[in-house]
């Protein structure tokens, strides 16, 4: 059992060393290059958030519909209350709306020249 922590520590040190040697931002020549690389990474992160929020939102909305069905079959079940169903549907709808809200917020703060994302662009980038 004592060899597992040593193996885990060795794997963590190896992964850290590999990441440190392969980082592209450490070799940037100017602040402008660092900003350009950060902008590319933030754009990819926003696309990831968009896709994950959309998929999880659809899943939660479907779970809410199943809770409605479960409540109609057995109204005395405490885990299938109408409140749980409404919460799941509203949270799912909010998550599906995140891409549009993010786009509106970015346009409001940074103007019309800013890059925005929506659910369609996020899914198309996965190709």
C-alpha atoms as a PDB file:
ATOM      1  CA  UNK A   1       0.000   0.000   0.000  1.00  0.00           C
ATOM      2  CA  UNK A   2       2.922   2.375   0.601  1.00  0.00           C
ATOM      3  CA  UNK A   3       4.099   2.139  -3.013  1.00  0.00           C
ATOM      4  CA  UNK A   4       0.898   3.712  -4.353  1.00  0.00           C
ATOM      5  CA  UNK A   5       1.584   7.232  -2.942  1.00  0.00           C
ATOM      6  CA  UNK A   6       5.161   7.067  -4.239  1.00  0.00           C
ATOM      7  CA  UNK A   7       3.945   6.028  -7.689  1.00  0.00           C
ATOM      8  CA  UNK A   8       1.307   8.770  -7.648  1.00  0.00           C
ATOM      9  CA  UNK A   9       3.882  11.382  -6.622  1.00  0.00           C
ATOM     10  CA  UNK A  10       6.256  10.225  -9.369  1.00  0.00           C
ATOM     11  CA  UNK A  11       3.466  10.412 -11.967  1.00  0.00           C
ATOM     12  CA  UNK A  12       2.500  13.896 -10.788  1.00  0.00           C
ATOM     13  CA  UNK A  13       6.100  15.138 -10.991  1.00  0.00           C
ATOM     14  CA  UNK A  14       6.518  13.650 -14.469  1.00  0.00           C
ATOM     15  CA  UNK A  15       3.294  15.275 -15.699  1.00  0.00           C
ATOM     16  CA  UNK A  16       4.284  18.628 -14.198  1.00  0.00           C
ATOM     17  CA  UNK A  17       7.715  18.489 -15.834  1.00  0.00           C
ATOM     18  CA  UNK A  18       6.194  17.590 -19.208  1.00  0.00           C
ATOM     19  CA  UNK A  19       3.728  20.464 -19.000  1.00  0.00           C
ATOM     20  CA  UNK A  20       6.429  22.911 -17.949  1.00  0.00           C
ATOM     21  CA  UNK A  21       8.635  21.975 -20.887  1.00  0.00           C
ATOM     22  CA  UNK A  22       5.829  22.175 -23.439  1.00  0.00           C
ATOM     23  CA  UNK A  23       4.262  25.484 -22.443  1.00  0.00           C
ATOM     24  CA  UNK A  24       4.133  27.872 -25.374  1.00  0.00           C
ATOM     25  CA  UNK A  25       3.441  30.991 -23.326  1.00  0.00           C
ATOM     26  CA  UNK A  26       6.795  30.753 -21.558  1.00  0.00           C
ATOM     27  CA  UNK A  27       8.588  31.385 -24.865  1.00  0.00           C
ATOM     28  CA  UNK A  28       6.516  34.398 -25.931  1.00  0.00           C
ATOM     29  CA  UNK A  29       8.578  37.381 -27.036  1.00  0.00           C
ATOM     30  CA  UNK A  30       6.247  40.218 -26.069  1.00  0.00           C
ATOM     31  CA  UNK A  31       3.163  41.108 -24.100  1.00  0.00           C
ATOM     32  CA  UNK A  32       1.205  41.276 -27.358  1.00  0.00           C
ATOM     33  CA  UNK A  33       1.979  37.642 -28.157  1.00  0.00           C
ATOM     34  CA  UNK A  34       0.904  36.618 -24.662  1.00  0.00           C
ATOM     35  CA  UNK A  35      -2.361  38.540 -25.088  1.00  0.00           C
ATOM     36  CA  UNK A  36      -2.988  36.900 -28.470  1.00  0.00           C
ATOM     37  CA  UNK A  37      -2.437  33.428 -27.037  1.00  0.00           C
ATOM     38  CA  UNK A  38      -4.694  34.197 -24.066  1.00  0.00           C
ATOM     39  CA  UNK A  39      -7.445  35.449 -26.383  1.00  0.00           C
ATOM     40  CA  UNK A  40      -7.337  32.198 -28.328  1.00  0.00           C
ATOM     41  CA  UNK A  41      -7.549  30.169 -25.141  1.00  0.00           C
ATOM     42  CA  UNK A  42     -10.431  32.235 -23.751  1.00  0.00           C
ATOM     43  CA  UNK A  43     -12.326  31.823 -27.027  1.00  0.00           C
ATOM     44  CA  UNK A  44     -11.915  28.052 -26.828  1.00  0.00           C
ATOM     45  CA  UNK A  45     -13.004  28.094 -23.182  1.00  0.00           C
ATOM     46  CA  UNK A  46     -16.150  30.044 -24.033  1.00  0.00           C
ATOM     47  CA  UNK A  47     -16.976  27.536 -26.763  1.00  0.00           C
ATOM     48  CA  UNK A  48     -16.527  24.687 -24.278  1.00  0.00           C
ATOM     49  CA  UNK A  49     -18.775  26.409 -21.728  1.00  0.00           C
ATOM     50  CA  UNK A  50     -21.373  26.985 -24.436  1.00  0.00           C
ATOM     51  CA  UNK A  51     -21.503  23.365 -25.542  1.00  0.00           C
ATOM     52  CA  UNK A  52     -21.458  21.918 -22.021  1.00  0.00           C
ATOM     53  CA  UNK A  53     -24.157  24.315 -20.801  1.00  0.00           C
ATOM     54  CA  UNK A  54     -26.377  23.492 -23.760  1.00  0.00           C
ATOM     55  CA  UNK A  55     -26.041  19.718 -23.378  1.00  0.00           C
ATOM     56  CA  UNK A  56     -26.513  19.779 -19.592  1.00  0.00           C
ATOM     57  CA  UNK A  57     -29.471  22.161 -19.969  1.00  0.00           C
ATOM     58  CA  UNK A  58     -31.246  19.855 -22.389  1.00  0.00           C
ATOM     59  CA  UNK A  59     -30.574  16.919 -20.067  1.00  0.00           C
ATOM     60  CA  UNK A  60     -31.983  18.757 -17.044  1.00  0.00           C
ATOM     61  CA  UNK A  61     -35.072  19.852 -18.958  1.00  0.00           C
ATOM     62  CA  UNK A  62     -35.702  16.252 -20.010  1.00  0.00           C
ATOM     63  CA  UNK A  63     -35.201  15.121 -16.402  1.00  0.00           C
ATOM     64  CA  UNK A  64     -37.793  17.696 -15.361  1.00  0.00           C
ATOM     65  CA  UNK A  65     -40.267  16.315 -17.856  1.00  0.00           C
ATOM     66  CA  UNK A  66     -39.662  12.817 -16.529  1.00  0.00           C
ATOM     67  CA  UNK A  67     -40.268  14.120 -12.997  1.00  0.00           C
ATOM     68  CA  UNK A  68     -43.630  15.492 -14.170  1.00  0.00           C
ATOM     69  CA  UNK A  69     -44.482  12.081 -15.570  1.00  0.00           C
ATOM     70  CA  UNK A  70     -43.304  10.364 -12.399  1.00  0.00           C
ATOM     71  CA  UNK A  71     -45.466  12.731 -10.326  1.00  0.00           C
ATOM     72  CA  UNK A  72     -48.565  11.989 -12.396  1.00  0.00           C
ATOM     73  CA  UNK A  73     -48.055   8.254 -11.931  1.00  0.00           C
ATOM     74  CA  UNK A  74     -47.455   8.484  -8.170  1.00  0.00           C
ATOM     75  CA  UNK A  75     -48.350  11.860  -6.592  1.00  0.00           C
ATOM     76  CA  UNK A  76     -47.471  10.588  -3.089  1.00  0.00           C
ATOM     77  CA  UNK A  77     -43.793   9.967  -3.945  1.00  0.00           C
ATOM     78  CA  UNK A  78     -41.756  12.593  -2.048  1.00  0.00           C
ATOM     79  CA  UNK A  79     -38.909  12.544  -4.588  1.00  0.00           C
ATOM     80  CA  UNK A  80     -41.203  13.424  -7.490  1.00  0.00           C
ATOM     81  CA  UNK A  81     -42.819  16.666  -6.393  1.00  0.00           C
ATOM     82  CA  UNK A  82     -44.011  19.317  -8.787  1.00  0.00           C
ATOM     83  CA  UNK A  83     -41.437  21.708  -7.322  1.00  0.00           C
ATOM     84  CA  UNK A  84     -38.567  19.402  -8.286  1.00  0.00           C
ATOM     85  CA  UNK A  85     -39.906  19.147 -11.823  1.00  0.00           C
ATOM     86  CA  UNK A  86     -40.249  22.917 -12.171  1.00  0.00           C
ATOM     87  CA  UNK A  87     -36.758  23.514 -10.761  1.00  0.00           C
ATOM     88  CA  UNK A  88     -35.200  21.054 -13.202  1.00  0.00           C
ATOM     89  CA  UNK A  89     -37.014  22.577 -16.179  1.00  0.00           C
ATOM     90  CA  UNK A  90     -36.174  26.179 -15.239  1.00  0.00           C
ATOM     91  CA  UNK A  91     -32.503  25.407 -14.552  1.00  0.00           C
ATOM     92  CA  UNK A  92     -32.327  23.504 -17.846  1.00  0.00           C
ATOM     93  CA  UNK A  93     -33.858  26.445 -19.706  1.00  0.00           C
ATOM     94  CA  UNK A  94     -31.401  28.836 -18.056  1.00  0.00           C
ATOM     95  CA  UNK A  95     -28.451  26.661 -19.087  1.00  0.00           C
ATOM     96  CA  UNK A  96     -29.702  26.432 -22.662  1.00  0.00           C
ATOM     97  CA  UNK A  97     -29.979  30.245 -22.699  1.00  0.00           C
ATOM     98  CA  UNK A  98     -26.418  30.842 -21.412  1.00  0.00           C
ATOM     99  CA  UNK A  99     -24.822  31.121 -24.892  1.00  0.00           C
ATOM    100  CA  UNK A 100     -27.211  33.856 -25.952  1.00  0.00           C
ATOM    101  CA  UNK A 101     -26.857  35.685 -22.642  1.00  0.00           C
ATOM    102  CA  UNK A 102     -23.065  35.513 -22.829  1.00  0.00           C
ATOM    103  CA  UNK A 103     -23.145  36.948 -26.336  1.00  0.00           C
ATOM    104  CA  UNK A 104     -25.407  39.813 -25.274  1.00  0.00           C
ATOM    105  CA  UNK A 105     -23.288  40.562 -22.226  1.00  0.00           C
ATOM    106  CA  UNK A 106     -20.065  40.627 -24.217  1.00  0.00           C
ATOM    107  CA  UNK A 107     -21.617  42.915 -26.823  1.00  0.00           C
ATOM    108  CA  UNK A 108     -22.922  45.227 -24.089  1.00  0.00           C
ATOM    109  CA  UNK A 109     -19.571  45.546 -22.334  1.00  0.00           C
ATOM    110  CA  UNK A 110     -17.116  45.436 -25.249  1.00  0.00           C
ATOM    111  CA  UNK A 111     -19.191  46.716 -28.170  1.00  0.00           C
ATOM    112  CA  UNK A 112     -20.160  45.169 -31.498  1.00  0.00           C
ATOM    113  CA  UNK A 113     -16.564  44.415 -32.531  1.00  0.00           C
ATOM    114  CA  UNK A 114     -16.085  41.784 -29.825  1.00  0.00           C
ATOM    115  CA  UNK A 115     -16.110  38.105 -30.652  1.00  0.00           C
ATOM    116  CA  UNK A 116     -19.226  36.401 -29.331  1.00  0.00           C
ATOM    117  CA  UNK A 117     -20.374  32.815 -29.308  1.00  0.00           C
ATOM    118  CA  UNK A 118     -23.657  30.995 -29.543  1.00  0.00           C
ATOM    119  CA  UNK A 119     -24.703  27.367 -29.411  1.00  0.00           C
ATOM    120  CA  UNK A 120     -24.415  26.890 -33.176  1.00  0.00           C
ATOM    121  CA  UNK A 121     -20.851  28.182 -33.355  1.00  0.00           C
ATOM    122  CA  UNK A 122     -19.832  26.034 -30.384  1.00  0.00           C
ATOM    123  CA  UNK A 123     -21.132  22.828 -31.913  1.00  0.00           C
ATOM    124  CA  UNK A 124     -19.659  23.631 -35.326  1.00  0.00           C
ATOM    125  CA  UNK A 125     -16.200  24.071 -33.779  1.00  0.00           C
ATOM    126  CA  UNK A 126     -16.304  20.453 -32.595  1.00  0.00           C
ATOM    127  CA  UNK A 127     -16.124  19.134 -36.165  1.00  0.00           C
END
